[in-house]
C-alpha atoms as a PDB file:
ATOM      1  CA  MET A   1     -43.693  19.122   4.281  1.00  0.00           C
ATOM      2  CA  ILE A   2     -42.530  16.807   6.467  1.00  0.00           C
ATOM      3  CA  ALA A   3     -39.077  15.955   4.514  1.00  0.00           C
ATOM      4  CA  ALA A   4     -38.528  19.814   4.657  1.00  0.00           C
ATOM      5  CA  ALA A   5     -38.892  19.982   8.322  1.00  0.00           C
ATOM      6  CA  ALA A   6     -36.745  16.870   8.906  1.00  0.00           C
ATOM      7  CA  SER A   7     -33.701  18.611   7.051  1.00  0.00           C
ATOM      8  CA  ILE A   8     -34.340  22.045   8.967  1.00  0.00           C
ATOM      9  CA  GLN A   9     -34.038  19.794  12.142  1.00  0.00           C
ATOM     10  CA  SER A  10     -30.998  17.823  10.698  1.00  0.00           C
ATOM     11  CA  ASN A  11     -29.268  21.049   9.782  1.00  0.00           C
ATOM     12  CA  PHE A  12     -30.003  22.579  13.215  1.00  0.00           C
ATOM     13  CA  SER A  13     -28.446  19.976  15.217  1.00  0.00           C
ATOM     14  CA  THR A  14     -25.603  19.745  12.879  1.00  0.00           C
ATOM     15  CA  MET A  15     -24.998  23.561  13.700  1.00  0.00           C
ATOM     16  CA  ASN A  16     -25.220  22.853  17.266  1.00  0.00           C
ATOM     17  CA  SER A  17     -23.309  19.592  17.708  1.00  0.00           C
ATOM     18  CA  LYS A  18     -20.002  19.421  19.024  1.00  0.00           C
ATOM     19  CA  GLU A  19     -18.729  17.409  16.647  1.00  0.00           C
ATOM     20  CA  THR A  20     -15.971  18.314  14.667  1.00  0.00           C
ATOM     21  CA  PRO A  21     -16.940  17.684  10.878  1.00  0.00           C
ATOM     22  CA  THR A  22     -15.333  15.834   8.181  1.00  0.00           C
ATOM     23  CA  LYS A  23     -13.301  17.455   6.060  1.00  0.00           C
ATOM     24  CA  THR A  24     -13.963  17.808   2.708  1.00  0.00           C
ATOM     25  CA  THR A  25     -11.464  17.639  -0.171  1.00  0.00           C
ATOM     26  CA  HIS A  26     -12.325  21.387  -1.320  1.00  0.00           C
ATOM     27  CA  GLU A  27     -11.193  22.033   2.822  1.00  0.00           C
ATOM     28  CA  THR A  28      -8.277  19.990   2.736  1.00  0.00           C
ATOM     29  CA  LYS A  29      -7.072  21.376  -0.643  1.00  0.00           C
ATOM     30  CA  GLU A  30      -7.254  24.701   0.630  1.00  0.00           C
ATOM     31  CA  ARG A  31      -4.642  24.335   3.199  1.00  0.00           C
ATOM     32  CA  GLU A  32      -2.260  22.904   0.767  1.00  0.00           C
ATOM     33  CA  ASN A  33      -2.529  26.598  -1.017  1.00  0.00           C
ATOM     34  CA  VAL A  34      -1.878  29.341   1.323  1.00  0.00           C
ATOM     35  CA  PHE A  35      -3.030  32.825   0.297  1.00  0.00           C
ATOM     36  CA  LEU A  36       0.290  35.271  -0.478  1.00  0.00           C
ATOM     37  CA  GLY A  37      -0.705  38.930   0.291  1.00  0.00           C
ATOM     38  CA  LEU A  38       1.508  41.154  -1.493  1.00  0.00           C
ATOM     39  CA  TYR A  39       1.400  44.787  -2.832  1.00  0.00           C
ATOM     40  CA  PHE A  40       2.692  45.512  -6.053  1.00  0.00           C
ATOM     41  CA  PRO A  41       3.740  49.138  -7.484  1.00  0.00           C
ATOM     42  CA  ALA A  42       0.630  49.509  -9.844  1.00  0.00           C
ATOM     43  CA  ASP A  43       3.092  49.732 -13.216  1.00  0.00           C
ATOM     44  CA  LEU A  44       4.303  46.196 -12.269  1.00  0.00           C
ATOM     45  CA  LYS A  45       0.721  44.961 -11.530  1.00  0.00           C
ATOM     46  CA  ALA A  46      -0.176  46.226 -15.308  1.00  0.00           C
ATOM     47  CA  LYS A  47       2.741  44.168 -16.335  1.00  0.00           C
ATOM     48  CA  VAL A  48       1.805  41.025 -14.336  1.00  0.00           C
ATOM     49  CA  ALA A  49      -1.922  41.639 -15.879  1.00  0.00           C
ATOM     50  CA  ALA A  50      -0.706  41.991 -19.307  1.00  0.00           C
ATOM     51  CA  ALA A  51       1.750  38.392 -18.975  1.00  0.00           C
ATOM     52  CA  ALA A  52      -0.560  36.720 -17.605  1.00  0.00           C
ATOM     53  CA  ALA A  53      -3.525  37.065 -19.698  1.00  0.00           C
ATOM     54  CA  ALA A  54      -1.202  36.270 -22.908  1.00  0.00           C
ATOM     55  CA  ASP A  55      -0.124  33.262 -21.155  1.00  0.00           C
ATOM     56  CA  GLU A  56      -4.121  32.537 -20.664  1.00  0.00           C
ATOM     57  CA  ARG A  57      -3.674  32.402 -16.935  1.00  0.00           C
ATOM     58  CA  SER A  58      -4.539  34.305 -13.547  1.00  0.00           C
ATOM     59  CA  MET A  59      -1.900  36.350 -12.126  1.00  0.00           C
ATOM     60  CA  SER A  60      -1.873  34.618  -9.311  1.00  0.00           C
ATOM     61  CA  GLN A  61      -0.733  31.314 -11.511  1.00  0.00           C
ATOM     62  CA  PHE A  62       1.856  33.596 -13.115  1.00  0.00           C
ATOM     63  CA  ALA A  63       3.006  34.301 -10.244  1.00  0.00           C
ATOM     64  CA  VAL A  64       2.900  30.597  -8.463  1.00  0.00           C
ATOM     65  CA  ARG A  65       4.844  29.735 -11.632  1.00  0.00           C
ATOM     66  CA  VAL A  66       7.535  32.721 -11.598  1.00  0.00           C
ATOM     67  CA  PHE A  67       8.326  32.136  -8.097  1.00  0.00           C
ATOM     68  CA  LYS A  68       8.735  28.613  -8.965  1.00  0.00           C
ATOM     69  CA  ASN A  69      11.174  29.099 -11.467  1.00  0.00           C
ATOM     70  CA  TYR A  70      12.766  30.951  -9.491  1.00  0.00           C
ATOM     71  CA  PHE A  71      13.833  28.834  -6.464  1.00  0.00           C
ATOM     72  CA  ASP A  72      14.111  25.641  -9.084  1.00  0.00           C
ATOM     73  CA  GLN A  73      17.000  27.767 -10.830  1.00  0.00           C
ATOM     74  CA  ASN A  74      18.293  29.175  -7.412  1.00  0.00           C
ATOM     75  CA  PRO A  75      17.660  26.267  -4.578  1.00  0.00           C
ATOM     76  CA  THR A  76      17.933  27.859  -1.056  1.00  0.00           C
ATOM     77  CA  ASN A  77      18.624  25.782   2.409  1.00  0.00           C
ATOM     78  CA  ALA A  78      15.594  26.485   3.140  1.00  0.00           C
END
């Protein structure tokens, strides 16, 4: 019971502290990858979903691969 009270107090102190918490690997990983919200026509989304499923990938992984291949073949000056 005392350990639980100490844990709650520790969590409360951390939440109210002005110290910046250290970043975890997960938080760092999120900054390397960013969300790209895209609107697909419904028929194209169905094709992407089918291709991703056939490739055993998520739609996001499939789209990243398509974009990467495109830009590897068509380098830009950006």
